[in-house]
């Protein structure tokens, strides 16, 4: 390829918001249209990740998973599908309509693509780890798949990484998980975020005290935080049997939120809530949440980020204690969510306490972009040297953990390096190896200058290149 040939730029992956280009949507009536497979349409909600984005995703997933391991959480790998009856037993906050089902050919049983990993891990613990010493700390990373409901959910393949903690009740376990969620978000490169903390049993205890026919409507209105409609429902004839203290507490729930700079110790919310909920079934869960709030604020990991929302109804029928989600600028959805679900393992025959959270890797990456978080450098070296030296030098570099490709000298190494976003280009000049920042790469944007390595054998040259590019494994020689 000549040096003046047009450069090909590989696309960076499916853009979150851009529609498919017209060329990818050929008219079926046109005899010159490319075959359907070449036009590459994907099922709604599915997407590809091309090299640059795939590298970023892989690096982000590894970063948070390694962080979980530092805290004693052991990784597990789970199957992409299981029998539907097993998965649906622990669906939790998901609607059964979210599950993609099919008939498993060998057994004839209905199977389902996993919509959530928590029930899979619950099944694993209840069967394979039932006799393991407790507490049990497990972590995971993978993709869940859900049926696309409406226009709000663009993607139905959702990459996650998360943890599950079994065998530690309320305060101790909740605090460990909250701190780990906050430190994981920071490890991923975000310093500004909010942890919204609530308790599932506060709203549930109050709704359990109203007539059964009224509870579903009140739950829907509370979830929407529609205070006008809430007041209308509580004032309607259908609510005449609701005790005045219960009605007053339910009416106040949407406003029982705060924390942050305006109320750093949460006193404004908790003191008012204590008056409203005194003598109601929600008094005990409020005291439990206050104890967790006070313990979380006492440490540096969570204090400034904490907010409280007593009207949070997410997962009302699933969670049994503290619930939280982590918010940051950018994605418009939580980057992490979790809570306590002590009833989950009972559905699999092993009643033990359970708490955990999951990070949405897509939302986390989006928040990192919005915050201008820098990616870890990803050095990749293109060798453009004489053939007799290329392979021995490439082998020496790979032994040091340096990603490297040998490229023919006469096939425009600069253009190739720029197109495939290599960080460095190594070639020979006047008998010496020269390490240069590849055109368009991160090293070039940072102003990396070339460095000559005269008179070195392959092993010494590889060590010098590893040091110059920052690509080598620590301690390699």
Foldseek 3Di string as FASTA:
>chain_A
DDQPPDFAFDDQWDDPPDDDDPLLVDDPPDPPRDPPVVSPDDPFQDIDGDDVRVVQLVVLQVLLVVLLVVVPAAEDDFDQKDQPVQLVLQVFQDDPQFWDWDQDVPPRGIMTGAQDCVSVVLLCCLPVVVPPDDFHKHKYWDWGATDDDDDPRRHRTFTKIKMKTWFDDAQVVVLVQVLSVLVSLVSSPDDDKAKEKEWLVLLVQLLVQFDPVLSVVLLVCLQVLPLVVLVVSCPDPSNPPRPPLSSVLSSCQQVLKWDAPVHQLSCVNLVVNCVSCVPGSNNVLSVSRNVNSVVNLVDPSHRNRYMYHHSHNRSSVFAHTMWIFMGAPFDPDTQKIWHWGQCSSVSVPRRITMIMMMGGSVRSVRRCVVVVGDDDDDAAEEEAEDPVQQVLLCVLLVVQQHHYDYDYNNPNPLSVCQSVQHQWYWYDDPQWIKIAGRPNHPCVVVVNGIDTGHDDDSNVVSVVNCVSRVRGDPPDD
